[in-house]
Amino acid sequence: MDSPIIPIDMLQAEARAAYARRAGRDDHGFNWHAVDAIAAYQAEWDRCAAAEAAVLKVKPMLAQAGVTPP
């Protein structure tokens, strides 16, 4: 089989929405044997977490420098 049943971009969108509503990394609801879908979902969830962590780390530095964070 060449393409997944659920497109990767849909899995990524679902992961971003889950992260935004503060659902956990493992709260995807996929069957345990959907390892490729779980991996794609968790990779996107991890990217969202890393992006937020980077922003949270930068904001205090900007405030300390007297710059108003966006």
PDB file of N, CA and C in Angstrom:
ATOM      1  N   MET A   1       0.841  -1.177   0.000  1.00  0.00           N
ATOM      2  CA  MET A   1       0.000   0.000   0.000  1.00  0.00           C
ATOM      3  C   MET A   1       0.887   1.242   0.000  1.00  0.00           C
ATOM      4  N   ASP A   2       0.632   2.159  -0.914  1.00  0.00           N
ATOM      5  CA  ASP A   2       1.486   3.320  -1.082  1.00  0.00           C
ATOM      6  C   ASP A   2       1.123   4.490  -0.180  1.00  0.00           C
ATOM      7  N   SER A   3      -0.151   4.706   0.060  1.00  0.00           N
ATOM      8  CA  SER A   3      -0.548   5.871   0.846  1.00  0.00           C
ATOM      9  C   SER A   3      -1.314   5.427   2.093  1.00  0.00           C
ATOM     10  N   PRO A   4      -1.172   6.187   3.171  1.00  0.00           N
ATOM     11  CA  PRO A   4      -1.879   5.838   4.398  1.00  0.00           C
ATOM     12  C   PRO A   4      -3.383   6.069   4.246  1.00  0.00           C
ATOM     13  N   ILE A   5      -4.142   5.401   5.086  1.00  0.00           N
ATOM     14  CA  ILE A   5      -5.597   5.549   5.051  1.00  0.00           C
ATOM     15  C   ILE A   5      -5.992   6.981   5.413  1.00  0.00           C
ATOM     16  N   ILE A   6      -5.344   7.520   6.428  1.00  0.00           N
ATOM     17  CA  ILE A   6      -5.586   8.906   6.835  1.00  0.00           C
ATOM     18  C   ILE A   6      -4.372   9.721   6.385  1.00  0.00           C
ATOM     19  N   PRO A   7      -4.580  10.759   5.581  1.00  0.00           N
ATOM     20  CA  PRO A   7      -3.445  11.561   5.106  1.00  0.00           C
ATOM     21  C   PRO A   7      -2.651  12.171   6.268  1.00  0.00           C
ATOM     22  N   ILE A   8      -1.358  12.274   6.074  1.00  0.00           N
ATOM     23  CA  ILE A   8      -0.461  12.808   7.099  1.00  0.00           C
ATOM     24  C   ILE A   8      -0.878  14.216   7.516  1.00  0.00           C
ATOM     25  N   ASP A   9      -1.281  15.060   6.559  1.00  0.00           N
ATOM     26  CA  ASP A   9      -1.659  16.427   6.922  1.00  0.00           C
ATOM     27  C   ASP A   9      -2.892  16.454   7.824  1.00  0.00           C
ATOM     28  N   MET A  10      -3.783  15.484   7.677  1.00  0.00           N
ATOM     29  CA  MET A  10      -4.937  15.407   8.583  1.00  0.00           C
ATOM     30  C   MET A  10      -4.503  14.982   9.985  1.00  0.00           C
ATOM     31  N   LEU A  11      -3.564  14.053  10.056  1.00  0.00           N
ATOM     32  CA  LEU A  11      -3.041  13.631  11.355  1.00  0.00           C
ATOM     33  C   LEU A  11      -2.335  14.794  12.052  1.00  0.00           C
ATOM     34  N   GLN A  12      -1.574  15.553  11.282  1.00  0.00           N
ATOM     35  CA  GLN A  12      -0.870  16.700  11.847  1.00  0.00           C
ATOM     36  C   GLN A  12      -1.845  17.765  12.329  1.00  0.00           C
ATOM     37  N   ALA A  13      -2.888  18.016  11.552  1.00  0.00           N
ATOM     38  CA  ALA A  13      -3.895  18.995  11.960  1.00  0.00           C
ATOM     39  C   ALA A  13      -4.597  18.546  13.234  1.00  0.00           C
ATOM     40  N   GLU A  14      -4.874  17.258  13.331  1.00  0.00           N
ATOM     41  CA  GLU A  14      -5.515  16.718  14.530  1.00  0.00           C
ATOM     42  C   GLU A  14      -4.588  16.863  15.744  1.00  0.00           C
ATOM     43  N   ALA A  15      -3.310  16.633  15.541  1.00  0.00           N
ATOM     44  CA  ALA A  15      -2.343  16.776  16.634  1.00  0.00           C
ATOM     45  C   ALA A  15      -2.232  18.227  17.086  1.00  0.00           C
ATOM     46  N   ARG A  16      -2.218  19.160  16.131  1.00  0.00           N
ATOM     47  CA  ARG A  16      -2.149  20.585  16.488  1.00  0.00           C
ATOM     48  C   ARG A  16      -3.385  21.009  17.270  1.00  0.00           C
ATOM     49  N   ALA A  17      -4.544  20.544  16.843  1.00  0.00           N
ATOM     50  CA  ALA A  17      -5.785  20.872  17.551  1.00  0.00           C
ATOM     51  C   ALA A  17      -5.775  20.264  18.948  1.00  0.00           C
ATOM     52  N   ALA A  18      -5.287  19.042  19.062  1.00  0.00           N
ATOM     53  CA  ALA A  18      -5.215  18.389  20.370  1.00  0.00           C
ATOM     54  C   ALA A  18      -4.263  19.137  21.291  1.00  0.00           C
ATOM     55  N   TYR A  19      -3.125  19.557  20.757  1.00  0.00           N
ATOM     56  CA  TYR A  19      -2.169  20.306  21.571  1.00  0.00           C
ATOM     57  C   TYR A  19      -2.782  21.630  22.020  1.00  0.00           C
ATOM     58  N   ALA A  20      -3.487  22.283  21.138  1.00  0.00           N
ATOM     59  CA  ALA A  20      -4.104  23.568  21.468  1.00  0.00           C
ATOM     60  C   ALA A  20      -5.142  23.432  22.578  1.00  0.00           C
ATOM     61  N   ARG A  21      -5.828  22.303  22.611  1.00  0.00           N
ATOM     62  CA  ARG A  21      -6.822  22.104  23.685  1.00  0.00           C
ATOM     63  C   ARG A  21      -6.212  21.409  24.897  1.00  0.00           C
ATOM     64  N   ARG A  22      -4.883  21.272  24.883  1.00  0.00           N
ATOM     65  CA  ARG A  22      -4.103  20.716  25.988  1.00  0.00           C
ATOM     66  C   ARG A  22      -4.346  19.226  26.229  1.00  0.00           C
ATOM     67  N   ALA A  23      -4.675  18.504  25.169  1.00  0.00           N
ATOM     68  CA  ALA A  23      -4.774  17.049  25.266  1.00  0.00           C
ATOM     69  C   ALA A  23      -3.354  16.492  25.355  1.00  0.00           C
ATOM     70  N   GLY A  24      -3.204  15.362  25.990  1.00  0.00           N
ATOM     71  CA  GLY A  24      -1.893  14.753  26.160  1.00  0.00           C
ATOM     72  C   GLY A  24      -1.359  14.152  24.873  1.00  0.00           C
ATOM     73  N   ARG A  25      -0.088  13.871  24.878  1.00  0.00           N
ATOM     74  CA  ARG A  25       0.596  13.312  23.706  1.00  0.00           C
ATOM     75  C   ARG A  25       0.039  11.954  23.312  1.00  0.00           C
ATOM     76  N   ASP A  26      -0.430  11.200  24.278  1.00  0.00           N
ATOM     77  CA  ASP A  26      -0.953   9.861  24.013  1.00  0.00           C
ATOM     78  C   ASP A  26      -2.480   9.821  23.970  1.00  0.00           C
ATOM     79  N   ASP A  27      -3.120  10.957  23.930  1.00  0.00           N
ATOM     80  CA  ASP A  27      -4.592  11.022  23.904  1.00  0.00           C
ATOM     81  C   ASP A  27      -5.135  11.055  22.482  1.00  0.00           C
ATOM     82  N   HIS A  28      -4.531  10.287  21.585  1.00  0.00           N
ATOM     83  CA  HIS A  28      -4.912  10.311  20.175  1.00  0.00           C
ATOM     84  C   HIS A  28      -6.107   9.422  19.875  1.00  0.00           C
ATOM     85  N   GLY A  29      -6.322   8.379  20.635  1.00  0.00           N
ATOM     86  CA  GLY A  29      -7.464   7.494  20.418  1.00  0.00           C
ATOM     87  C   GLY A  29      -7.295   6.506  19.271  1.00  0.00           C
ATOM     88  N   PHE A  30      -6.094   6.372  18.731  1.00  0.00           N
ATOM     89  CA  PHE A  30      -5.861   5.422  17.647  1.00  0.00           C
ATOM     90  C   PHE A  30      -5.716   4.013  18.214  1.00  0.00           C
ATOM     91  N   ASN A  31      -6.006   3.031  17.391  1.00  0.00           N
ATOM     92  CA  ASN A  31      -5.759   1.645  17.772  1.00  0.00           C
ATOM     93  C   ASN A  31      -4.257   1.444  17.930  1.00  0.00           C
ATOM     94  N   TRP A  32      -3.875   0.554  18.817  1.00  0.00           N
ATOM     95  CA  TRP A  32      -2.463   0.354  19.129  1.00  0.00           C
ATOM     96  C   TRP A  32      -1.643  -0.074  17.914  1.00  0.00           C
ATOM     97  N   HIS A  33      -2.270  -0.709  16.947  1.00  0.00           N
ATOM     98  CA  HIS A  33      -1.526  -1.193  15.789  1.00  0.00           C
ATOM     99  C   HIS A  33      -1.392  -0.156  14.677  1.00  0.00           C
ATOM    100  N   ALA A  34      -1.903   1.033  14.873  1.00  0.00           N
ATOM    101  CA  ALA A  34      -1.772   2.110  13.880  1.00  0.00           C
ATOM    102  C   ALA A  34      -0.484   2.884  14.160  1.00  0.00           C
ATOM    103  N   VAL A  35       0.630   2.158  14.170  1.00  0.00           N
ATOM    104  CA  VAL A  35       1.901   2.745  14.605  1.00  0.00           C
ATOM    105  C   VAL A  35       2.360   3.916  13.733  1.00  0.00           C
ATOM    106  N   ASP A  36       2.129   3.849  12.429  1.00  0.00           N
ATOM    107  CA  ASP A  36       2.541   4.959  11.561  1.00  0.00           C
ATOM    108  C   ASP A  36       1.722   6.211  11.843  1.00  0.00           C
ATOM    109  N   ALA A  37       0.423   6.037  12.054  1.00  0.00           N
ATOM    110  CA  ALA A  37      -0.439   7.182  12.364  1.00  0.00           C
ATOM    111  C   ALA A  37      -0.076   7.766  13.724  1.00  0.00           C
ATOM    112  N   ILE A  38       0.176   6.906  14.686  1.00  0.00           N
ATOM    113  CA  ILE A  38       0.553   7.369  16.021  1.00  0.00           C
ATOM    114  C   ILE A  38       1.874   8.134  15.951  1.00  0.00           C
ATOM    115  N   ALA A  39       2.828   7.608  15.197  1.00  0.00           N
ATOM    116  CA  ALA A  39       4.127   8.270  15.068  1.00  0.00           C
ATOM    117  C   ALA A  39       3.995   9.653  14.430  1.00  0.00           C
ATOM    118  N   ALA A  40       3.184   9.767  13.391  1.00  0.00           N
ATOM    119  CA  ALA A  40       2.985  11.060  12.719  1.00  0.00           C
ATOM    120  C   ALA A  40       2.289  12.049  13.656  1.00  0.00           C
ATOM    121  N   TYR A  41       1.284  11.577  14.366  1.00  0.00           N
ATOM    122  CA  TYR A  41       0.541  12.410  15.317  1.00  0.00           C
ATOM    123  C   TYR A  41       1.478  12.914  16.424  1.00  0.00           C
ATOM    124  N   GLN A  42       2.227  11.989  17.019  1.00  0.00           N
ATOM    125  CA  GLN A  42       3.100  12.362  18.124  1.00  0.00           C
ATOM    126  C   GLN A  42       4.251  13.258  17.672  1.00  0.00           C
ATOM    127  N   ALA A  43       4.740  13.066  16.471  1.00  0.00           N
ATOM    128  CA  ALA A  43       5.799  13.933  15.956  1.00  0.00           C
ATOM    129  C   ALA A  43       5.298  15.373  15.823  1.00  0.00           C
ATOM    130  N   GLU A  44       4.082  15.540  15.327  1.00  0.00           N
ATOM    131  CA  GLU A  44       3.520  16.890  15.203  1.00  0.00           C
ATOM    132  C   GLU A  44       3.231  17.479  16.576  1.00  0.00           C
ATOM    133  N   TRP A  45       2.722  16.669  17.492  1.00  0.00           N
ATOM    134  CA  TRP A  45       2.459  17.118  18.874  1.00  0.00           C
ATOM    135  C   TRP A  45       3.769  17.594  19.494  1.00  0.00           C
ATOM    136  N   ASP A  46       4.841  16.833  19.276  1.00  0.00           N
ATOM    137  CA  ASP A  46       6.157  17.206  19.803  1.00  0.00           C
ATOM    138  C   ASP A  46       6.649  18.517  19.197  1.00  0.00           C
ATOM    139  N   ARG A  47       6.406  18.730  17.893  1.00  0.00           N
ATOM    140  CA  ARG A  47       6.799  19.997  17.260  1.00  0.00           C
ATOM    141  C   ARG A  47       6.056  21.167  17.896  1.00  0.00           C
ATOM    142  N   CYS A  48       4.780  20.989  18.182  1.00  0.00           N
ATOM    143  CA  CYS A  48       3.995  22.044  18.832  1.00  0.00           C
ATOM    144  C   CYS A  48       4.551  22.349  20.223  1.00  0.00           C
ATOM    145  N   ALA A  49       4.883  21.308  20.958  1.00  0.00           N
ATOM    146  CA  ALA A  49       5.433  21.488  22.302  1.00  0.00           C
ATOM    147  C   ALA A  49       6.789  22.198  22.246  1.00  0.00           C
ATOM    148  N   ALA A  50       7.625  21.826  21.287  1.00  0.00           N
ATOM    149  CA  ALA A  50       8.935  22.458  21.151  1.00  0.00           C
ATOM    150  C   ALA A  50       8.800  23.929  20.767  1.00  0.00           C
ATOM    151  N   ALA A  51       7.859  24.233  19.880  1.00  0.00           N
ATOM    152  CA  ALA A  51       7.645  25.624  19.471  1.00  0.00           C
ATOM    153  C   ALA A  51       7.170  26.459  20.652  1.00  0.00           C
ATOM    154  N   GLU A  52       6.260  25.922  21.437  1.00  0.00           N
ATOM    155  CA  GLU A  52       5.774  26.662  22.598  1.00  0.00           C
ATOM    156  C   GLU A  52       6.884  26.847  23.630  1.00  0.00           C
ATOM    157  N   ALA A  53       7.677  25.817  23.839  1.00  0.00           N
ATOM    158  CA  ALA A  53       8.783  25.921  24.794  1.00  0.00           C
ATOM    159  C   ALA A  53       9.776  26.990  24.356  1.00  0.00           C
ATOM    160  N   ALA A  54      10.029  27.086  23.063  1.00  0.00           N
ATOM    161  CA  ALA A  54      10.951  28.099  22.558  1.00  0.00           C
ATOM    162  C   ALA A  54      10.400  29.498  22.796  1.00  0.00           C
ATOM    163  N   VAL A  55       9.112  29.673  22.571  1.00  0.00           N
ATOM    164  CA  VAL A  55       8.483  30.982  22.790  1.00  0.00           C
ATOM    165  C   VAL A  55       8.516  31.334  24.268  1.00  0.00           C
ATOM    166  N   LEU A  56       8.199  30.386  25.123  1.00  0.00           N
ATOM    167  CA  LEU A  56       8.186  30.662  26.560  1.00  0.00           C
ATOM    168  C   LEU A  56       9.574  30.971  27.092  1.00  0.00           C
ATOM    169  N   LYS A  57      10.592  30.408  26.472  1.00  0.00           N
ATOM    170  CA  LYS A  57      11.957  30.677  26.894  1.00  0.00           C
ATOM    171  C   LYS A  57      12.416  32.054  26.431  1.00  0.00           C
ATOM    172  N   VAL A  58      11.933  32.489  25.289  1.00  0.00           N
ATOM    173  CA  VAL A  58      12.354  33.761  24.719  1.00  0.00           C
ATOM    174  C   VAL A  58      11.635  34.941  25.376  1.00  0.00           C
ATOM    175  N   LYS A  59      10.373  34.783  25.728  1.00  0.00           N
ATOM    176  CA  LYS A  59       9.609  35.907  26.283  1.00  0.00           C
ATOM    177  C   LYS A  59      10.258  36.527  27.517  1.00  0.00           C
ATOM    178  N   PRO A  60      10.719  35.744  28.488  1.00  0.00           N
ATOM    179  CA  PRO A  60      11.379  36.385  29.635  1.00  0.00           C
ATOM    180  C   PRO A  60      12.642  37.147  29.247  1.00  0.00           C
ATOM    181  N   MET A  61      13.381  36.633  28.274  1.00  0.00           N
ATOM    182  CA  MET A  61      14.593  37.325  27.827  1.00  0.00           C
ATOM    183  C   MET A  61      14.233  38.649  27.159  1.00  0.00           C
ATOM    184  N   LEU A  62      13.153  38.660  26.377  1.00  0.00           N
ATOM    185  CA  LEU A  62      12.727  39.899  25.732  1.00  0.00           C
ATOM    186  C   LEU A  62      12.275  40.917  26.781  1.00  0.00           C
ATOM    187  N   ALA A  63      11.515  40.454  27.768  1.00  0.00           N
ATOM    188  CA  ALA A  63      11.036  41.359  28.818  1.00  0.00           C
ATOM    189  C   ALA A  63      12.206  41.931  29.603  1.00  0.00           C
ATOM    190  N   GLN A  64      13.196  41.117  29.844  1.00  0.00           N
ATOM    191  CA  GLN A  64      14.378  41.562  30.573  1.00  0.00           C
ATOM    192  C   GLN A  64      15.140  42.628  29.787  1.00  0.00           C
ATOM    193  N   ALA A  65      15.094  42.516  28.476  1.00  0.00           N
ATOM    194  CA  ALA A  65      15.774  43.479  27.614  1.00  0.00           C
ATOM    195  C   ALA A  65      14.924  44.729  27.376  1.00  0.00           C
ATOM    196  N   GLY A  66      13.718  44.751  27.919  1.00  0.00           N
ATOM    197  CA  GLY A  66      12.843  45.906  27.758  1.00  0.00           C
ATOM    198  C   GLY A  66      12.040  45.894  26.473  1.00  0.00           C
ATOM    199  N   VAL A  67      11.977  44.744  25.803  1.00  0.00           N
ATOM    200  CA  VAL A  67      11.215  44.613  24.565  1.00  0.00           C
ATOM    201  C   VAL A  67       9.875  43.983  24.898  1.00  0.00           C
ATOM    202  N   THR A  68       8.802  44.548  24.368  1.00  0.00           N
ATOM    203  CA  THR A  68       7.469  44.004  24.601  1.00  0.00           C
ATOM    204  C   THR A  68       7.257  42.788  23.703  1.00  0.00           C
ATOM    205  N   PRO A  69       7.030  41.622  24.312  1.00  0.00           N
ATOM    206  CA  PRO A  69       6.796  40.436  23.488  1.00  0.00           C
ATOM    207  C   PRO A  69       5.481  40.529  22.739  1.00  0.00           C
ATOM    208  N   PRO A  70       5.401  39.882  21.592  1.00  0.00           N
ATOM    209  CA  PRO A  70       4.164  39.926  20.806  1.00  0.00           C
ATOM    210  C   PRO A  70       3.025  39.204  21.508  1.00  0.00           C
TER     211      PRO A  70
END
